[in-house]
C-alpha atoms as a PDB file:
ATOM      1  CA  UNK A   1      78.815 -27.468  27.322  1.00  0.00           C
ATOM      2  CA  UNK A   2      79.386 -30.468  25.089  1.00  0.00           C
ATOM      3  CA  UNK A   3      77.277 -33.559  25.182  1.00  0.00           C
ATOM      4  CA  UNK A   4      80.222 -35.702  26.259  1.00  0.00           C
ATOM      5  CA  UNK A   5      80.659 -33.499  29.361  1.00  0.00           C
ATOM      6  CA  UNK A   6      77.061 -34.223  30.321  1.00  0.00           C
ATOM      7  CA  UNK A   7      77.501 -37.936  29.663  1.00  0.00           C
ATOM      8  CA  UNK A   8      80.648 -37.990  31.809  1.00  0.00           C
ATOM      9  CA  UNK A   9      78.922 -36.223  34.668  1.00  0.00           C
ATOM     10  CA  UNK A  10      75.856 -38.493  34.604  1.00  0.00           C
ATOM     11  CA  UNK A  11      78.117 -41.571  34.600  1.00  0.00           C
ATOM     12  CA  UNK A  12      80.046 -40.329  37.652  1.00  0.00           C
ATOM     13  CA  UNK A  13      76.803 -39.395  39.416  1.00  0.00           C
ATOM     14  CA  UNK A  14      75.245 -42.793  38.720  1.00  0.00           C
ATOM     15  CA  UNK A  15      78.362 -44.779  39.661  1.00  0.00           C
ATOM     16  CA  UNK A  16      79.191 -42.637  42.692  1.00  0.00           C
ATOM     17  CA  UNK A  17      82.859 -43.034  41.823  1.00  0.00           C
ATOM     18  CA  UNK A  18      85.340 -41.599  39.327  1.00  0.00           C
ATOM     19  CA  UNK A  19      87.073 -44.966  39.122  1.00  0.00           C
ATOM     20  CA  UNK A  20      83.939 -46.940  38.233  1.00  0.00           C
ATOM     21  CA  UNK A  21      82.734 -44.214  35.858  1.00  0.00           C
ATOM     22  CA  UNK A  22      86.088 -44.095  34.078  1.00  0.00           C
ATOM     23  CA  UNK A  23      85.985 -47.870  33.621  1.00  0.00           C
ATOM     24  CA  UNK A  24      82.451 -47.709  32.252  1.00  0.00           C
ATOM     25  CA  UNK A  25      83.309 -44.841  29.877  1.00  0.00           C
ATOM     26  CA  UNK A  26      86.671 -46.316  28.830  1.00  0.00           C
ATOM     27  CA  UNK A  27      88.521 -43.073  29.637  1.00  0.00           C
ATOM     28  CA  UNK A  28      91.412 -42.344  31.953  1.00  0.00           C
ATOM     29  CA  UNK A  29      90.401 -41.240  35.453  1.00  0.00           C
ATOM     30  CA  UNK A  30      92.547 -38.051  35.459  1.00  0.00           C
ATOM     31  CA  UNK A  31      91.013 -36.953  32.156  1.00  0.00           C
ATOM     32  CA  UNK A  32      87.523 -37.635  33.525  1.00  0.00           C
ATOM     33  CA  UNK A  33      88.236 -35.564  36.643  1.00  0.00           C
ATOM     34  CA  UNK A  34      89.412 -32.643  34.497  1.00  0.00           C
ATOM     35  CA  UNK A  35      86.264 -32.794  32.380  1.00  0.00           C
ATOM     36  CA  UNK A  36      84.024 -32.679  35.475  1.00  0.00           C
ATOM     37  CA  UNK A  37      85.948 -29.739  36.965  1.00  0.00           C
ATOM     38  CA  UNK A  38      85.605 -27.908  33.678  1.00  0.00           C
ATOM     39  CA  UNK A  39      81.872 -28.602  33.719  1.00  0.00           C
ATOM     40  CA  UNK A  40      81.562 -27.219  37.252  1.00  0.00           C
ATOM     41  CA  UNK A  41      83.358 -24.037  36.173  1.00  0.00           C
ATOM     42  CA  UNK A  42      81.043 -23.671  33.199  1.00  0.00           C
ATOM     43  CA  UNK A  43      77.806 -24.041  35.191  1.00  0.00           C
ATOM     44  CA  UNK A  44      79.226 -21.964  38.051  1.00  0.00           C
ATOM     45  CA  UNK A  45      78.325 -24.445  40.771  1.00  0.00           C
ATOM     46  CA  UNK A  46      79.843 -27.365  42.632  1.00  0.00           C
ATOM     47  CA  UNK A  47      78.166 -30.535  41.391  1.00  0.00           C
ATOM     48  CA  UNK A  48      80.006 -33.218  43.372  1.00  0.00           C
ATOM     49  CA  UNK A  49      81.383 -33.531  46.868  1.00  0.00           C
ATOM     50  CA  UNK A  50      84.511 -35.639  46.659  1.00  0.00           C
ATOM     51  CA  UNK A  51      85.443 -37.984  49.497  1.00  0.00           C
ATOM     52  CA  UNK A  52      87.670 -40.994  50.241  1.00  0.00           C
ATOM     53  CA  UNK A  53      84.797 -43.387  49.494  1.00  0.00           C
ATOM     54  CA  UNK A  54      83.672 -41.773  46.292  1.00  0.00           C
ATOM     55  CA  UNK A  55      81.533 -38.792  45.359  1.00  0.00           C
ATOM     56  CA  UNK A  56      78.191 -37.449  46.473  1.00  0.00           C
ATOM     57  CA  UNK A  57      75.901 -35.123  44.563  1.00  0.00           C
ATOM     58  CA  UNK A  58      75.265 -31.592  45.739  1.00  0.00           C
ATOM     59  CA  UNK A  59      71.763 -30.121  45.382  1.00  0.00           C
ATOM     60  CA  UNK A  60      72.857 -28.479  42.116  1.00  0.00           C
ATOM     61  CA  UNK A  61      74.393 -31.756  40.964  1.00  0.00           C
ATOM     62  CA  UNK A  62      71.168 -33.654  41.591  1.00  0.00           C
ATOM     63  CA  UNK A  63      69.220 -31.178  39.452  1.00  0.00           C
ATOM     64  CA  UNK A  64      71.751 -31.487  36.624  1.00  0.00           C
ATOM     65  CA  UNK A  65      71.777 -35.286  36.891  1.00  0.00           C
ATOM     66  CA  UNK A  66      67.976 -35.448  36.494  1.00  0.00           C
ATOM     67  CA  UNK A  67      68.011 -33.034  33.568  1.00  0.00           C
ATOM     68  CA  UNK A  68      71.012 -34.789  32.052  1.00  0.00           C
ATOM     69  CA  UNK A  69      69.283 -38.172  32.140  1.00  0.00           C
ATOM     70  CA  UNK A  70      66.224 -36.681  30.439  1.00  0.00           C
ATOM     71  CA  UNK A  71      68.271 -34.963  27.724  1.00  0.00           C
ATOM     72  CA  UNK A  72      70.388 -38.041  27.027  1.00  0.00           C
ATOM     73  CA  UNK A  73      67.270 -40.254  26.841  1.00  0.00           C
ATOM     74  CA  UNK A  74      65.590 -37.849  24.407  1.00  0.00           C
ATOM     75  CA  UNK A  75      68.721 -37.571  22.302  1.00  0.00           C
ATOM     76  CA  UNK A  76      69.163 -41.338  22.137  1.00  0.00           C
ATOM     77  CA  UNK A  77      65.512 -41.711  21.095  1.00  0.00           C
ATOM     78  CA  UNK A  78      65.984 -39.023  18.428  1.00  0.00           C
ATOM     79  CA  UNK A  79      69.137 -40.705  17.151  1.00  0.00           C
ATOM     80  CA  UNK A  80      67.354 -44.071  17.047  1.00  0.00           C
ATOM     81  CA  UNK A  81      64.489 -42.601  15.021  1.00  0.00           C
ATOM     82  CA  UNK A  82      67.019 -40.895  12.761  1.00  0.00           C
ATOM     83  CA  UNK A  83      68.630 -44.244  11.989  1.00  0.00           C
ATOM     84  CA  UNK A  84      65.187 -45.790  11.430  1.00  0.00           C
ATOM     85  CA  UNK A  85      64.344 -43.010   8.970  1.00  0.00           C
ATOM     86  CA  UNK A  86      67.652 -43.472   7.156  1.00  0.00           C
ATOM     87  CA  UNK A  87      66.943 -47.201   6.853  1.00  0.00           C
ATOM     88  CA  UNK A  88      63.373 -46.599   5.671  1.00  0.00           C
ATOM     89  CA  UNK A  89      61.837 -48.150   8.782  1.00  0.00           C
ATOM     90  CA  UNK A  90      59.920 -45.047   9.815  1.00  0.00           C
ATOM     91  CA  UNK A  91      57.990 -42.520   7.772  1.00  0.00           C
ATOM     92  CA  UNK A  92      54.827 -42.303   5.688  1.00  0.00           C
ATOM     93  CA  UNK A  93      53.817 -44.271   2.603  1.00  0.00           C
ATOM     94  CA  UNK A  94      50.748 -43.115   0.642  1.00  0.00           C
ATOM     95  CA  UNK A  95      49.210 -45.949  -1.368  1.00  0.00           C
ATOM     96  CA  UNK A  96      46.361 -45.739  -3.875  1.00  0.00           C
ATOM     97  CA  UNK A  97      44.413 -48.965  -4.393  1.00  0.00           C
ATOM     98  CA  UNK A  98      41.513 -49.698  -6.721  1.00  0.00           C
ATOM     99  CA  UNK A  99      38.189 -50.876  -5.346  1.00  0.00           C
ATOM    100  CA  UNK A 100      38.562 -54.454  -6.560  1.00  0.00           C
ATOM    101  CA  UNK A 101      42.222 -54.700  -5.518  1.00  0.00           C
ATOM    102  CA  UNK A 102      41.404 -53.260  -2.103  1.00  0.00           C
ATOM    103  CA  UNK A 103      39.372 -56.382  -1.273  1.00  0.00           C
ATOM    104  CA  UNK A 104      41.778 -58.869  -2.837  1.00  0.00           C
ATOM    105  CA  UNK A 105      43.273 -61.338  -0.359  1.00  0.00           C
ATOM    106  CA  UNK A 106      46.795 -60.699  -1.647  1.00  0.00           C
ATOM    107  CA  UNK A 107      46.483 -56.957  -1.030  1.00  0.00           C
ATOM    108  CA  UNK A 108      44.862 -57.451   2.390  1.00  0.00           C
ATOM    109  CA  UNK A 109      47.651 -59.791   3.494  1.00  0.00           C
ATOM    110  CA  UNK A 110      50.309 -57.591   1.891  1.00  0.00           C
ATOM    111  CA  UNK A 111      49.184 -54.496   3.809  1.00  0.00           C
ATOM    112  CA  UNK A 112      49.118 -56.538   7.026  1.00  0.00           C
ATOM    113  CA  UNK A 113      52.657 -57.809   6.323  1.00  0.00           C
ATOM    114  CA  UNK A 114      53.941 -54.250   5.829  1.00  0.00           C
ATOM    115  CA  UNK A 115      52.438 -53.142   9.125  1.00  0.00           C
ATOM    116  CA  UNK A 116      53.877 -56.146  10.924  1.00  0.00           C
ATOM    117  CA  UNK A 117      57.371 -55.778   9.458  1.00  0.00           C
ATOM    118  CA  UNK A 118      57.521 -51.975   9.762  1.00  0.00           C
ATOM    119  CA  UNK A 119      55.153 -50.839  12.531  1.00  0.00           C
ATOM    120  CA  UNK A 120      56.660 -47.333  12.477  1.00  0.00           C
ATOM    121  CA  UNK A 121      55.784 -46.762   8.820  1.00  0.00           C
ATOM    122  CA  UNK A 122      52.462 -44.931   8.617  1.00  0.00           C
ATOM    123  CA  UNK A 123      50.406 -46.303   5.736  1.00  0.00           C
ATOM    124  CA  UNK A 124      47.859 -43.942   4.200  1.00  0.00           C
ATOM    125  CA  UNK A 125      45.620 -46.045   1.947  1.00  0.00           C
ATOM    126  CA  UNK A 126      43.262 -44.296  -0.463  1.00  0.00           C
ATOM    127  CA  UNK A 127      40.706 -45.992  -2.705  1.00  0.00           C
ATOM    128  CA  UNK A 128      41.412 -44.742  -6.210  1.00  0.00           C
ATOM    129  CA  UNK A 129      40.852 -46.125  -9.700  1.00  0.00           C
ATOM    130  CA  UNK A 130      43.810 -46.884 -11.932  1.00  0.00           C
ATOM    131  CA  UNK A 131      43.693 -43.801 -14.209  1.00  0.00           C
ATOM    132  CA  UNK A 132      43.601 -41.520 -11.168  1.00  0.00           C
ATOM    133  CA  UNK A 133      46.401 -43.541  -9.540  1.00  0.00           C
ATOM    134  CA  UNK A 134      48.764 -42.879 -12.431  1.00  0.00           C
ATOM    135  CA  UNK A 135      48.174 -39.129 -12.312  1.00  0.00           C
ATOM    136  CA  UNK A 136      48.558 -39.071  -8.515  1.00  0.00           C
ATOM    137  CA  UNK A 137      51.823 -41.052  -8.576  1.00  0.00           C
ATOM    138  CA  UNK A 138      53.296 -38.832 -11.291  1.00  0.00           C
ATOM    139  CA  UNK A 139      52.228 -35.702  -9.423  1.00  0.00           C
ATOM    140  CA  UNK A 140      53.765 -36.962  -6.173  1.00  0.00           C
ATOM    141  CA  UNK A 141      50.414 -37.182  -4.369  1.00  0.00           C
ATOM    142  CA  UNK A 142      50.889 -40.956  -4.004  1.00  0.00           C
ATOM    143  CA  UNK A 143      54.053 -42.916  -3.323  1.00  0.00           C
ATOM    144  CA  UNK A 144      52.739 -46.248  -4.619  1.00  0.00           C
ATOM    145  CA  UNK A 145      49.637 -47.523  -6.348  1.00  0.00           C
ATOM    146  CA  UNK A 146      48.295 -51.046  -6.684  1.00  0.00           C
ATOM    147  CA  UNK A 147      46.397 -51.736  -9.861  1.00  0.00           C
ATOM    148  CA  UNK A 148      46.796 -52.698 -13.483  1.00  0.00           C
ATOM    149  CA  UNK A 149      49.755 -51.871 -15.682  1.00  0.00           C
ATOM    150  CA  UNK A 150      49.425 -48.467 -17.317  1.00  0.00           C
ATOM    151  CA  UNK A 151      53.160 -47.731 -17.316  1.00  0.00           C
ATOM    152  CA  UNK A 152      53.371 -47.765 -21.152  1.00  0.00           C
ATOM    153  CA  UNK A 153      51.084 -44.708 -21.130  1.00  0.00           C
ATOM    154  CA  UNK A 154      52.768 -42.951 -18.213  1.00  0.00           C
ATOM    155  CA  UNK A 155      56.420 -41.979 -18.774  1.00  0.00           C
ATOM    156  CA  UNK A 156      58.464 -42.041 -15.600  1.00  0.00           C
ATOM    157  CA  UNK A 157      56.293 -44.701 -13.973  1.00  0.00           C
ATOM    158  CA  UNK A 158      57.671 -48.134 -13.063  1.00  0.00           C
ATOM    159  CA  UNK A 159      55.311 -51.103 -12.657  1.00  0.00           C
ATOM    160  CA  UNK A 160      55.883 -54.599 -11.314  1.00  0.00           C
ATOM    161  CA  UNK A 161      53.406 -57.488 -11.328  1.00  0.00           C
ATOM    162  CA  UNK A 162      52.235 -58.825  -7.954  1.00  0.00           C
ATOM    163  CA  UNK A 163      49.350 -61.225  -8.591  1.00  0.00           C
ATOM    164  CA  UNK A 164      46.926 -62.432 -11.244  1.00  0.00           C
ATOM    165  CA  UNK A 165      43.222 -61.659 -11.182  1.00  0.00           C
ATOM    166  CA  UNK A 166      41.838 -62.771 -14.558  1.00  0.00           C
ATOM    167  CA  UNK A 167      38.558 -61.522 -15.958  1.00  0.00           C
ATOM    168  CA  UNK A 168      36.218 -64.455 -15.917  1.00  0.00           C
ATOM    169  CA  UNK A 169      32.928 -63.304 -14.402  1.00  0.00           C
ATOM    170  CA  UNK A 170      29.723 -61.484 -15.141  1.00  0.00           C
ATOM    171  CA  UNK A 171      28.852 -59.003 -12.401  1.00  0.00           C
ATOM    172  CA  UNK A 172      25.087 -59.259 -11.948  1.00  0.00           C
ATOM    173  CA  UNK A 173      22.485 -57.766  -9.625  1.00  0.00           C
ATOM    174  CA  UNK A 174      22.166 -59.829  -6.457  1.00  0.00           C
ATOM    175  CA  UNK A 175      18.492 -60.416  -7.411  1.00  0.00           C
ATOM    176  CA  UNK A 176      19.275 -61.533 -10.968  1.00  0.00           C
ATOM    177  CA  UNK A 177      17.733 -64.788 -12.170  1.00  0.00           C
ATOM    178  CA  UNK A 178      21.250 -66.219 -12.720  1.00  0.00           C
ATOM    179  CA  UNK A 179      22.710 -64.936  -9.455  1.00  0.00           C
ATOM    180  CA  UNK A 180      22.874 -68.374  -7.849  1.00  0.00           C
ATOM    181  CA  UNK A 181      23.928 -70.281 -10.977  1.00  0.00           C
ATOM    182  CA  UNK A 182      27.377 -71.958 -10.973  1.00  0.00           C
ATOM    183  CA  UNK A 183      28.103 -70.226 -14.293  1.00  0.00           C
ATOM    184  CA  UNK A 184      26.343 -68.176 -16.930  1.00  0.00           C
ATOM    185  CA  UNK A 185      26.491 -67.986 -20.730  1.00  0.00           C
ATOM    186  CA  UNK A 186      26.341 -64.657 -22.547  1.00  0.00           C
ATOM    187  CA  UNK A 187      23.222 -65.890 -24.350  1.00  0.00           C
ATOM    188  CA  UNK A 188      21.449 -65.950 -20.979  1.00  0.00           C
ATOM    189  CA  UNK A 189      22.231 -62.251 -20.603  1.00  0.00           C
ATOM    190  CA  UNK A 190      21.056 -61.232 -24.077  1.00  0.00           C
ATOM    191  CA  UNK A 191      18.131 -59.221 -22.721  1.00  0.00           C
ATOM    192  CA  UNK A 192      20.255 -57.450 -20.093  1.00  0.00           C
ATOM    193  CA  UNK A 193      22.185 -54.258 -20.750  1.00  0.00           C
ATOM    194  CA  UNK A 194      25.959 -54.643 -20.755  1.00  0.00           C
ATOM    195  CA  UNK A 195      27.760 -51.661 -19.192  1.00  0.00           C
ATOM    196  CA  UNK A 196      31.336 -50.775 -20.151  1.00  0.00           C
ATOM    197  CA  UNK A 197      33.591 -47.746 -19.729  1.00  0.00           C
ATOM    198  CA  UNK A 198      34.045 -45.630 -22.870  1.00  0.00           C
ATOM    199  CA  UNK A 199      36.384 -46.962 -25.549  1.00  0.00           C
ATOM    200  CA  UNK A 200      38.300 -43.673 -25.649  1.00  0.00           C
ATOM    201  CA  UNK A 201      39.298 -43.905 -21.994  1.00  0.00           C
ATOM    202  CA  UNK A 202      43.014 -44.735 -21.810  1.00  0.00           C
ATOM    203  CA  UNK A 203      43.217 -46.078 -25.323  1.00  0.00           C
ATOM    204  CA  UNK A 204      44.073 -48.637 -26.541  1.00  0.00           C
ATOM    205  CA  UNK A 205      43.157 -50.572 -23.389  1.00  0.00           C
ATOM    206  CA  UNK A 206      39.454 -49.753 -23.345  1.00  0.00           C
ATOM    207  CA  UNK A 207      39.106 -50.293 -27.088  1.00  0.00           C
ATOM    208  CA  UNK A 208      40.507 -53.805 -26.717  1.00  0.00           C
ATOM    209  CA  UNK A 209      38.080 -54.525 -23.880  1.00  0.00           C
ATOM    210  CA  UNK A 210      35.290 -53.644 -26.291  1.00  0.00           C
ATOM    211  CA  UNK A 211      36.855 -55.943 -28.884  1.00  0.00           C
ATOM    212  CA  UNK A 212      36.878 -58.752 -26.316  1.00  0.00           C
ATOM    213  CA  UNK A 213      33.163 -58.213 -25.746  1.00  0.00           C
ATOM    214  CA  UNK A 214      32.578 -58.473 -29.476  1.00  0.00           C
ATOM    215  CA  UNK A 215      34.438 -61.778 -29.568  1.00  0.00           C
ATOM    216  CA  UNK A 216      31.908 -63.025 -27.052  1.00  0.00           C
ATOM    217  CA  UNK A 217      29.186 -62.175 -29.565  1.00  0.00           C
ATOM    218  CA  UNK A 218      28.214 -58.987 -27.732  1.00  0.00           C
ATOM    219  CA  UNK A 219      27.705 -56.110 -30.139  1.00  0.00           C
ATOM    220  CA  UNK A 220      25.668 -53.618 -28.118  1.00  0.00           C
ATOM    221  CA  UNK A 221      26.347 -52.032 -24.755  1.00  0.00           C
ATOM    222  CA  UNK A 222      25.949 -48.828 -22.829  1.00  0.00           C
ATOM    223  CA  UNK A 223      28.894 -46.763 -21.614  1.00  0.00           C
ATOM    224  CA  UNK A 224      29.495 -45.006 -18.324  1.00  0.00           C
ATOM    225  CA  UNK A 225      32.595 -43.075 -17.290  1.00  0.00           C
ATOM    226  CA  UNK A 226      32.482 -43.820 -13.570  1.00  0.00           C
ATOM    227  CA  UNK A 227      33.038 -47.411 -12.454  1.00  0.00           C
ATOM    228  CA  UNK A 228      31.421 -46.592  -9.109  1.00  0.00           C
ATOM    229  CA  UNK A 229      28.250 -45.487 -10.880  1.00  0.00           C
ATOM    230  CA  UNK A 230      28.503 -48.492 -13.194  1.00  0.00           C
ATOM    231  CA  UNK A 231      28.423 -50.888 -10.235  1.00  0.00           C
ATOM    232  CA  UNK A 232      25.544 -48.907  -8.757  1.00  0.00           C
ATOM    233  CA  UNK A 233      23.593 -49.366 -12.002  1.00  0.00           C
ATOM    234  CA  UNK A 234      24.220 -53.114 -11.891  1.00  0.00           C
ATOM    235  CA  UNK A 235      23.197 -53.310  -8.225  1.00  0.00           C
ATOM    236  CA  UNK A 236      20.008 -51.449  -9.114  1.00  0.00           C
ATOM    237  CA  UNK A 237      19.107 -54.129 -11.663  1.00  0.00           C
ATOM    238  CA  UNK A 238      19.958 -52.051 -14.729  1.00  0.00           C
ATOM    239  CA  UNK A 239      22.283 -54.568 -16.399  1.00  0.00           C
ATOM    240  CA  UNK A 240      25.645 -56.301 -15.973  1.00  0.00           C
ATOM    241  CA  UNK A 241      29.381 -55.868 -16.563  1.00  0.00           C
ATOM    242  CA  UNK A 242      32.603 -57.882 -16.570  1.00  0.00           C
ATOM    243  CA  UNK A 243      34.304 -58.894 -13.323  1.00  0.00           C
ATOM    244  CA  UNK A 244      37.526 -60.475 -12.108  1.00  0.00           C
ATOM    245  CA  UNK A 245      38.041 -63.774 -10.309  1.00  0.00           C
ATOM    246  CA  UNK A 246      38.471 -62.092  -6.920  1.00  0.00           C
ATOM    247  CA  UNK A 247      35.061 -60.457  -7.266  1.00  0.00           C
ATOM    248  CA  UNK A 248      33.481 -63.873  -6.803  1.00  0.00           C
ATOM    249  CA  UNK A 249      34.525 -63.558  -3.161  1.00  0.00           C
ATOM    250  CA  UNK A 250      34.218 -59.792  -2.805  1.00  0.00           C
ATOM    251  CA  UNK A 251      31.635 -58.460  -5.286  1.00  0.00           C
ATOM    252  CA  UNK A 252      30.553 -54.811  -5.218  1.00  0.00           C
ATOM    253  CA  UNK A 253      27.692 -54.171  -2.803  1.00  0.00           C
ATOM    254  CA  UNK A 254      24.366 -55.379  -4.138  1.00  0.00           C
ATOM    255  CA  UNK A 255      25.915 -57.580  -6.829  1.00  0.00           C
ATOM    256  CA  UNK A 256      27.238 -61.090  -7.384  1.00  0.00           C
ATOM    257  CA  UNK A 257      30.013 -62.288  -9.699  1.00  0.00           C
ATOM    258  CA  UNK A 258      29.183 -65.444 -11.674  1.00  0.00           C
ATOM    259  CA  UNK A 259      31.746 -67.211 -13.914  1.00  0.00           C
ATOM    260  CA  UNK A 260      31.200 -66.612 -17.625  1.00  0.00           C
ATOM    261  CA  UNK A 261      31.151 -69.835 -19.618  1.00  0.00           C
ATOM    262  CA  UNK A 262      34.039 -70.176 -22.059  1.00  0.00           C
ATOM    263  CA  UNK A 263      35.729 -66.932 -21.119  1.00  0.00           C
ATOM    264  CA  UNK A 264      38.978 -66.309 -19.282  1.00  0.00           C
ATOM    265  CA  UNK A 265      41.100 -63.223 -20.016  1.00  0.00           C
ATOM    266  CA  UNK A 266      44.419 -62.637 -18.257  1.00  0.00           C
ATOM    267  CA  UNK A 267      44.751 -59.684 -15.925  1.00  0.00           C
ATOM    268  CA  UNK A 268      47.903 -58.944 -13.948  1.00  0.00           C
ATOM    269  CA  UNK A 269      47.741 -56.583 -11.013  1.00  0.00           C
ATOM    270  CA  UNK A 270      50.832 -54.917  -9.656  1.00  0.00           C
ATOM    271  CA  UNK A 271      52.420 -51.946  -7.971  1.00  0.00           C
ATOM    272  CA  UNK A 272      53.630 -48.748  -9.606  1.00  0.00           C
ATOM    273  CA  UNK A 273      55.884 -45.948  -8.404  1.00  0.00           C
ATOM    274  CA  UNK A 274      57.952 -43.087  -9.806  1.00  0.00           C
ATOM    275  CA  UNK A 275      61.189 -44.161 -11.452  1.00  0.00           C
ATOM    276  CA  UNK A 276      63.111 -41.397  -9.716  1.00  0.00           C
ATOM    277  CA  UNK A 277      61.781 -42.127  -6.218  1.00  0.00           C
ATOM    278  CA  UNK A 278      64.720 -43.205  -4.050  1.00  0.00           C
ATOM    279  CA  UNK A 279      62.868 -43.179  -0.723  1.00  0.00           C
ATOM    280  CA  UNK A 280      64.078 -45.997   1.567  1.00  0.00           C
ATOM    281  CA  UNK A 281      60.512 -46.279   2.915  1.00  0.00           C
ATOM    282  CA  UNK A 282      59.227 -47.046  -0.583  1.00  0.00           C
ATOM    283  CA  UNK A 283      62.062 -49.524  -1.100  1.00  0.00           C
ATOM    284  CA  UNK A 284      61.152 -51.422   2.070  1.00  0.00           C
ATOM    285  CA  UNK A 285      57.431 -51.476   1.285  1.00  0.00           C
ATOM    286  CA  UNK A 286      58.167 -52.775  -2.207  1.00  0.00           C
ATOM    287  CA  UNK A 287      60.393 -55.499  -0.773  1.00  0.00           C
ATOM    288  CA  UNK A 288      57.591 -56.729   1.514  1.00  0.00           C
ATOM    289  CA  UNK A 289      55.148 -56.847  -1.410  1.00  0.00           C
ATOM    290  CA  UNK A 290      57.673 -58.732  -3.533  1.00  0.00           C
ATOM    291  CA  UNK A 291      58.240 -61.268  -0.783  1.00  0.00           C
ATOM    292  CA  UNK A 292      54.480 -61.713  -0.435  1.00  0.00           C
ATOM    293  CA  UNK A 293      54.250 -62.257  -4.190  1.00  0.00           C
ATOM    294  CA  UNK A 294      57.012 -64.846  -4.124  1.00  0.00           C
ATOM    295  CA  UNK A 295      55.243 -66.758  -1.354  1.00  0.00           C
ATOM    296  CA  UNK A 296      51.828 -66.616  -2.959  1.00  0.00           C
ATOM    297  CA  UNK A 297      50.527 -69.282  -5.314  1.00  0.00           C
ATOM    298  CA  UNK A 298      49.056 -66.917  -7.878  1.00  0.00           C
ATOM    299  CA  UNK A 299      46.297 -68.333 -10.130  1.00  0.00           C
ATOM    300  CA  UNK A 300      47.281 -68.762 -13.767  1.00  0.00           C
ATOM    301  CA  UNK A 301      45.352 -68.675 -17.036  1.00  0.00           C
ATOM    302  CA  UNK A 302      44.585 -72.192 -18.198  1.00  0.00           C
ATOM    303  CA  UNK A 303      46.661 -72.801 -21.356  1.00  0.00           C
ATOM    304  CA  UNK A 304      43.839 -74.819 -22.904  1.00  0.00           C
ATOM    305  CA  UNK A 305      41.224 -72.113 -22.430  1.00  0.00           C
ATOM    306  CA  UNK A 306      39.586 -71.028 -25.701  1.00  0.00           C
ATOM    307  CA  UNK A 307      40.251 -67.427 -24.662  1.00  0.00           C
ATOM    308  CA  UNK A 308      43.805 -67.964 -23.494  1.00  0.00           C
ATOM    309  CA  UNK A 309      45.668 -64.855 -24.623  1.00  0.00           C
ATOM    310  CA  UNK A 310      42.369 -63.242 -25.644  1.00  0.00           C
ATOM    311  CA  UNK A 311      43.641 -59.977 -24.163  1.00  0.00           C
ATOM    312  CA  UNK A 312      47.282 -59.068 -24.594  1.00  0.00           C
ATOM    313  CA  UNK A 313      49.257 -58.198 -21.488  1.00  0.00           C
ATOM    314  CA  UNK A 314      49.021 -54.461 -22.070  1.00  0.00           C
ATOM    315  CA  UNK A 315      45.221 -54.595 -21.840  1.00  0.00           C
ATOM    316  CA  UNK A 316      45.343 -55.635 -18.216  1.00  0.00           C
ATOM    317  CA  UNK A 317      44.303 -52.234 -16.898  1.00  0.00           C
ATOM    318  CA  UNK A 318      40.581 -52.524 -17.581  1.00  0.00           C
ATOM    319  CA  UNK A 319      38.867 -50.003 -15.354  1.00  0.00           C
ATOM    320  CA  UNK A 320      40.115 -51.517 -12.124  1.00  0.00           C
END
């Protein structure tokens, strides 16, 4: 039995007439009659009772009509989903996002826009720091990652800027004496421990972050490998660290982000993926993020800032 035989039979059964069914199917009536007779021979049962006013289903024909409708409906649904998959409108996209980026308004709105545009794409979002993102994307454990640009240190990885989130804050304990100040100078934090990731982590990025601290007149700090533990130390009142502009609105739990006087270092955040990934799902997700970027009024580094260009573009990774 071919699918067209089943479609022909269901059309005749629904129309109750070979003439009307033939018109609907755009086939000649004699050819349609031959197809139905062939179908009856194949199933070994009479399916239609023919009369001067049309046709009427036999008991066997009614059973086949019900099953035929169900099969055709399922097939049409499967074909529709097949076309959606081919066009990248259905599938799974695994995205790694850093803790700071995860709370950024651009990322929040971008994820919402993807879900609205492509409701059949299943987004699996995992909180993951930038170094781990790069390894996961290269290994194929992630499809995309949103964070800073580490593509120069990861062959095969493409990166595209989405929004700016410059480093301009001191992340302090929520109970710190300067927590409610409109801004803070580094001299006011002289007695507090500055925490930074190690300089040898993803060199030369971390080394240049340390150099930036020295330009602020900071010559001593403690190092900690895990940014999660670093924020926990700050929240516990053990010191402070650098923070981005978006952290003023969404600081780590137990902390506040206060603007640092006289300091503004550029930081571009973007999306990375494997160069050889041709998935249409990834293409569509990237297009939504690009459109969101084009609509957004991203903040820019003030050209007159004394620290304008204080960090070159390839230092944007930080530990976020």
